[in-house]
Amino acid sequence: MTAVRAQQPQSGMSIGTVLDRLRPDFPDVTISKIRFLEAEGLISPQRTPSGYRRFSLPDCERLRYVLTAQRDQYLPLKVIKEQLEAIDSGVATVGGEDGPRRPRTLVVAPGDVSPEDFRSDREVRVGKDDMLSRAGIDEKFLGELVRAGLVVPGAAGFFDEDAVTLARTAKAMSEYGLEVRHLRAFKLAADREAGLVAQIAGPVAKGRDAGARARAEEMVRELAALSLTLHTCLVKSAVRGALDR
């Protein structure tokens, strides 16, 4: 990234062109994500008299820097913005020893879980009998899951697809000797992770502009996917030497 705040010409790239440039390296980037980064002050594309965004090559490189820092170093936007401001002011250079370094590319990049997995565009209602049949459990086991807060039926007593998967998974784990009470640890860890995501996305959802809610929902999906990937990696690392203890 060379001049991250160079004077931009009147001509430039559309937001769609920028998206096409970034997607080979960042498949999950969207137009709403780019607009969100602009709203947060990380990029400042010029506008045509009719209001359309026009991006220069330095704008595109700036976006690449931000997305790489998020993907490879899990840096919050506040820290990335401080890094960019240091570069803009000349206090630091990209890759300089006294300033922020360009985020490295991981050997195995995060993102094995897609943010799309967290969409809930339609609600599937599963009755109790269907739940028991599909999950392969009995009423007693289902009651234990509900009392432990692992499965929560809706107001009308129906369950969703995630509840079916959870119940089936809990049943499989019980065959290894893990009781429902042992699974509370997983629920507590999930609640803590969800709380962290809410702290970041909550203020965005309260924005006054029309797209605030959509941006927050997209952020929640992306953070949830990264959180699950991180959790998987941590569990793999922790259990790798379990048999040697």
Protein backbone atom coordinates (compact mmCIF):
# COMPACT_ATOMS: atom_id res chain seq x y z
CA MET A 1 0.00 0.00 0.00
CA THR A 2 1.70 3.18 -1.15
CA ALA A 3 -0.12 6.49 -0.79
CA VAL A 4 -3.22 5.63 1.16
CA ARG A 5 -4.56 9.20 1.07
CA ALA A 6 -3.44 10.41 -2.32
CA GLN A 7 -5.49 13.01 -4.18
CA GLN A 8 -8.09 11.10 -6.16
CA PRO A 9 -8.95 11.97 -9.76
CA GLN A 10 -12.51 12.54 -10.87
CA SER A 11 -12.48 9.25 -12.81
CA GLY A 12 -12.14 6.01 -10.93
CA MET A 13 -13.56 2.58 -10.23
CA SER A 14 -17.14 1.84 -9.29
CA ILE A 15 -17.87 -0.08 -6.10
CA GLY A 16 -18.70 -3.12 -8.22
CA THR A 17 -15.29 -3.00 -9.91
CA VAL A 18 -13.59 -2.75 -6.51
CA LEU A 19 -15.60 -5.76 -5.35
CA ASP A 20 -14.41 -7.77 -8.38
CA ARG A 21 -10.79 -6.87 -7.55
CA LEU A 22 -11.06 -7.91 -3.92
CA ARG A 23 -13.17 -11.06 -4.13
CA PRO A 24 -10.41 -13.41 -5.41
CA ASP A 25 -8.60 -12.86 -2.08
CA PHE A 26 -11.65 -12.07 0.07
CA PRO A 27 -14.59 -14.21 -1.14
CA ASP A 28 -16.89 -13.01 1.65
CA VAL A 29 -16.51 -9.28 0.99
CA THR A 30 -19.73 -7.56 -0.04
CA ILE A 31 -20.83 -4.13 -1.19
CA SER A 32 -22.46 -3.54 2.19
CA LYS A 33 -19.15 -4.39 3.89
CA ILE A 34 -17.33 -1.79 1.78
CA ARG A 35 -20.01 0.79 2.57
CA PHE A 36 -19.72 -0.05 6.27
CA LEU A 37 -15.94 0.50 6.21
CA GLU A 38 -16.55 3.87 4.55
CA ALA A 39 -19.11 4.78 7.22
CA GLU A 40 -16.52 3.90 9.88
CA GLY A 41 -14.02 6.30 8.30
CA LEU A 42 -11.50 3.74 7.05
CA ILE A 43 -11.85 4.77 3.41
CA SER A 44 -13.01 7.99 1.77
CA PRO A 45 -13.82 7.50 -1.91
CA GLN A 46 -14.76 10.51 -3.98
CA ARG A 47 -18.34 11.09 -5.10
CA THR A 48 -19.57 12.08 -8.52
CA PRO A 49 -21.99 15.03 -8.80
CA SER A 50 -24.79 12.46 -8.89
CA GLY A 51 -23.56 10.84 -5.68
CA TYR A 52 -21.90 7.67 -6.98
CA ARG A 53 -18.72 6.44 -5.27
CA ARG A 54 -15.53 6.48 -7.34
CA PHE A 55 -12.54 4.54 -5.98
CA SER A 56 -8.90 5.06 -6.88
CA LEU A 57 -6.19 2.39 -6.78
CA PRO A 58 -4.98 3.70 -3.38
CA ASP A 59 -8.56 3.32 -2.09
CA CYS A 60 -8.56 -0.29 -3.26
CA GLU A 61 -5.19 -0.96 -1.59
CA ARG A 62 -6.47 0.64 1.60
CA LEU A 63 -9.45 -1.71 1.58
CA ARG A 64 -7.13 -4.66 1.00
CA TYR A 65 -5.07 -3.61 4.02
CA VAL A 66 -8.16 -3.42 6.24
CA LEU A 67 -9.59 -6.75 5.09
CA THR A 68 -6.24 -8.51 5.48
CA ALA A 69 -5.80 -7.15 9.01
CA GLN A 70 -9.26 -8.39 9.94
CA ARG A 71 -8.82 -11.80 8.36
CA ASP A 72 -5.26 -12.65 9.39
CA GLN A 73 -4.79 -10.79 12.68
CA TYR A 74 -8.41 -10.48 13.91
CA LEU A 75 -7.73 -6.80 14.62
CA PRO A 76 -10.71 -4.63 15.61
CA LEU A 77 -11.50 -1.74 13.29
CA LYS A 78 -10.42 0.80 15.92
CA VAL A 79 -6.87 -0.59 15.91
CA ILE A 80 -6.76 -0.80 12.09
CA LYS A 81 -7.95 2.80 11.84
CA GLU A 82 -5.18 3.90 14.22
CA GLN A 83 -2.64 2.06 12.07
CA LEU A 84 -3.89 3.78 8.92
CA GLU A 85 -3.87 7.18 10.60
CA ALA A 86 -0.25 6.58 11.63
CA ILE A 87 0.62 5.74 8.03
CA ASP A 88 -1.31 8.77 6.71
CA SER A 89 0.51 11.14 9.06
CA GLY A 90 3.93 9.70 8.23
CA VAL A 91 4.52 8.47 11.78
CA ALA A 92 4.71 4.91 10.51
CA THR A 93 5.19 3.14 7.22
CA VAL A 94 3.71 -0.10 6.02
CA GLY A 95 6.16 -2.77 7.09
CA GLY A 96 8.31 -0.31 9.03
CA GLU A 97 9.94 -1.44 12.25
CA ASP A 98 8.46 1.48 14.18
CA GLY A 99 4.91 1.10 12.95
CA PRO A 100 2.18 -1.25 11.90
CA ARG A 101 3.23 -4.11 9.67
CA ARG A 102 1.29 -5.44 6.74
CA PRO A 103 -0.73 -8.38 8.07
CA ARG A 104 0.89 -11.68 7.11
CA THR A 105 -0.90 -14.33 5.12
CA LEU A 106 -1.64 -17.41 7.19
CA VAL A 107 -0.68 -20.85 5.95
CA VAL A 108 -4.23 -21.94 6.73
CA ALA A 109 -6.52 -18.94 6.46
CA PRO A 110 -9.53 -18.67 8.77
CA GLY A 111 -13.00 -18.76 7.44
CA ASP A 112 -13.72 -22.49 7.11
CA VAL A 113 -17.22 -21.67 8.34
CA SER A 114 -19.21 -19.43 6.03
CA PRO A 115 -21.15 -16.43 7.37
CA GLU A 116 -24.02 -17.71 5.21
CA ASP A 117 -24.35 -20.64 7.63
CA PHE A 118 -25.73 -18.17 10.16
CA ARG A 119 -28.54 -16.85 8.00
CA SER A 120 -32.08 -17.52 9.24
CA ASP A 121 -34.11 -16.40 6.25
CA ARG A 122 -36.87 -18.89 6.93
CA GLU A 123 -38.08 -20.49 10.12
CA VAL A 124 -38.68 -24.25 10.18
CA ARG A 125 -41.08 -25.43 12.89
CA VAL A 126 -40.43 -28.95 14.16
CA GLY A 127 -42.99 -30.59 16.43
CA LYS A 128 -42.05 -32.54 19.52
CA ASP A 129 -42.73 -36.00 18.08
CA ASP A 130 -40.78 -35.15 14.93
CA MET A 131 -37.96 -33.80 17.09
CA LEU A 132 -37.72 -37.03 19.07
CA SER A 133 -37.77 -39.14 15.93
CA ARG A 134 -35.24 -37.16 13.92
CA ALA A 135 -32.81 -36.68 16.82
CA GLY A 136 -33.11 -40.29 17.98
CA ILE A 137 -33.85 -39.35 21.59
CA ASP A 138 -36.61 -39.99 24.10
CA GLU A 139 -38.73 -37.52 26.07
CA LYS A 140 -36.54 -37.84 29.14
CA PHE A 141 -33.41 -36.85 27.25
CA LEU A 142 -35.23 -33.96 25.57
CA GLY A 143 -36.43 -32.78 28.98
CA GLU A 144 -32.85 -32.74 30.26
CA LEU A 145 -31.73 -30.68 27.27
CA VAL A 146 -34.52 -28.16 27.82
CA ARG A 147 -33.87 -27.86 31.57
CA ALA A 148 -30.16 -27.31 30.88
CA GLY A 149 -31.01 -24.51 28.46
CA LEU A 150 -29.31 -26.28 25.57
CA VAL A 151 -32.53 -26.61 23.60
CA VAL A 152 -35.18 -23.89 23.83
CA PRO A 153 -38.62 -24.53 22.29
CA GLY A 154 -40.58 -21.64 20.83
CA ALA A 155 -43.64 -20.10 22.44
CA ALA A 156 -45.90 -22.64 20.70
CA GLY A 157 -43.69 -25.56 21.71
CA PHE A 158 -42.02 -26.01 18.33
CA PHE A 159 -38.29 -26.48 17.71
CA ASP A 160 -36.05 -25.35 14.84
CA GLU A 161 -33.53 -27.24 12.70
CA ASP A 162 -30.59 -26.19 14.88
CA ALA A 163 -32.33 -27.69 17.92
CA VAL A 164 -32.68 -31.01 16.08
CA THR A 165 -28.98 -31.00 15.17
CA LEU A 166 -28.00 -30.06 18.72
CA ALA A 167 -30.13 -32.81 20.24
CA ARG A 168 -28.74 -35.39 17.82
CA THR A 169 -25.19 -34.27 18.62
CA ALA A 170 -25.80 -34.34 22.37
CA LYS A 171 -27.16 -37.87 22.05
CA ALA A 172 -24.04 -38.98 20.17
CA MET A 173 -21.81 -37.43 22.84
CA SER A 174 -23.79 -39.17 25.57
CA GLU A 175 -22.73 -42.50 24.08
CA TYR A 176 -19.17 -41.58 25.08
CA GLY A 177 -20.23 -41.00 28.67
CA LEU A 178 -20.88 -37.26 28.53
CA GLU A 179 -24.09 -36.39 30.32
CA VAL A 180 -26.26 -33.37 29.53
CA ARG A 181 -24.94 -31.56 32.61
CA HIS A 182 -21.43 -31.82 31.17
CA LEU A 183 -22.55 -30.01 28.03
CA ARG A 184 -23.41 -26.88 30.03
CA ALA A 185 -19.77 -25.85 29.65
CA PHE A 186 -20.26 -25.62 25.89
CA LYS A 187 -23.39 -23.51 26.38
CA LEU A 188 -21.61 -21.10 28.73
CA ALA A 189 -18.72 -20.72 26.28
CA ALA A 190 -21.17 -20.04 23.42
CA ASP A 191 -22.99 -17.41 25.50
CA ARG A 192 -19.70 -15.63 26.22
CA GLU A 193 -18.78 -15.62 22.53
CA ALA A 194 -22.23 -14.31 21.60
CA GLY A 195 -21.82 -11.56 24.20
CA LEU A 196 -18.57 -10.42 22.61
CA VAL A 197 -20.19 -10.32 19.18
CA ALA A 198 -23.11 -8.31 20.59
CA GLN A 199 -20.73 -5.75 22.11
CA ILE A 200 -19.28 -5.07 18.67
CA ALA A 201 -22.39 -5.27 16.49
CA GLY A 202 -24.90 -3.77 18.93
CA PRO A 203 -23.81 -0.14 18.54
CA VAL A 204 -23.83 -0.52 14.75
CA ALA A 205 -27.45 -1.76 14.80
CA LYS A 206 -28.47 1.37 16.69
CA GLY A 207 -27.30 3.64 13.90
CA ARG A 208 -29.86 6.06 12.53
CA ASP A 209 -29.31 5.38 8.84
CA ALA A 210 -31.52 2.95 6.94
CA GLY A 211 -28.82 0.31 6.44
CA ALA A 212 -27.65 0.12 10.06
CA ARG A 213 -29.57 -3.04 10.91
CA ALA A 214 -28.44 -4.85 7.76
CA ARG A 215 -24.80 -3.94 8.41
CA ALA A 216 -25.06 -5.19 11.98
CA GLU A 217 -26.62 -8.48 10.88
CA GLU A 218 -23.87 -9.00 8.32
CA MET A 219 -21.24 -8.24 10.95
CA VAL A 220 -22.82 -10.74 13.35
CA ARG A 221 -22.71 -13.47 10.70
CA GLU A 222 -19.08 -12.77 9.83
CA LEU A 223 -17.96 -12.62 13.45
CA ALA A 224 -19.92 -15.76 14.31
CA ALA A 225 -18.25 -17.66 11.47
CA LEU A 226 -14.80 -16.48 12.53
CA SER A 227 -15.59 -17.31 16.15
CA LEU A 228 -16.60 -20.86 15.25
CA THR A 229 -13.48 -21.35 13.13
CA LEU A 230 -11.32 -20.03 15.96
CA HIS A 231 -13.09 -22.28 18.47
CA THR A 232 -12.51 -25.31 16.26
CA CYS A 233 -8.81 -24.52 15.94
CA LEU A 234 -8.45 -24.04 19.69
CA VAL A 235 -10.18 -27.33 20.47
CA LYS A 236 -8.01 -29.16 17.93
CA SER A 237 -4.91 -27.67 19.51
CA ALA A 238 -6.04 -28.47 23.05
CA VAL A 239 -6.96 -32.11 22.41
CA ARG A 240 -4.01 -32.92 20.17
CA GLY A 241 -1.92 -34.08 23.10
CA ALA A 242 -4.78 -35.28 25.31
CA LEU A 243 -3.73 -38.92 25.11
CA ASP A 244 -0.17 -38.05 26.17
CA ARG A 245 -1.16 -36.49 29.48
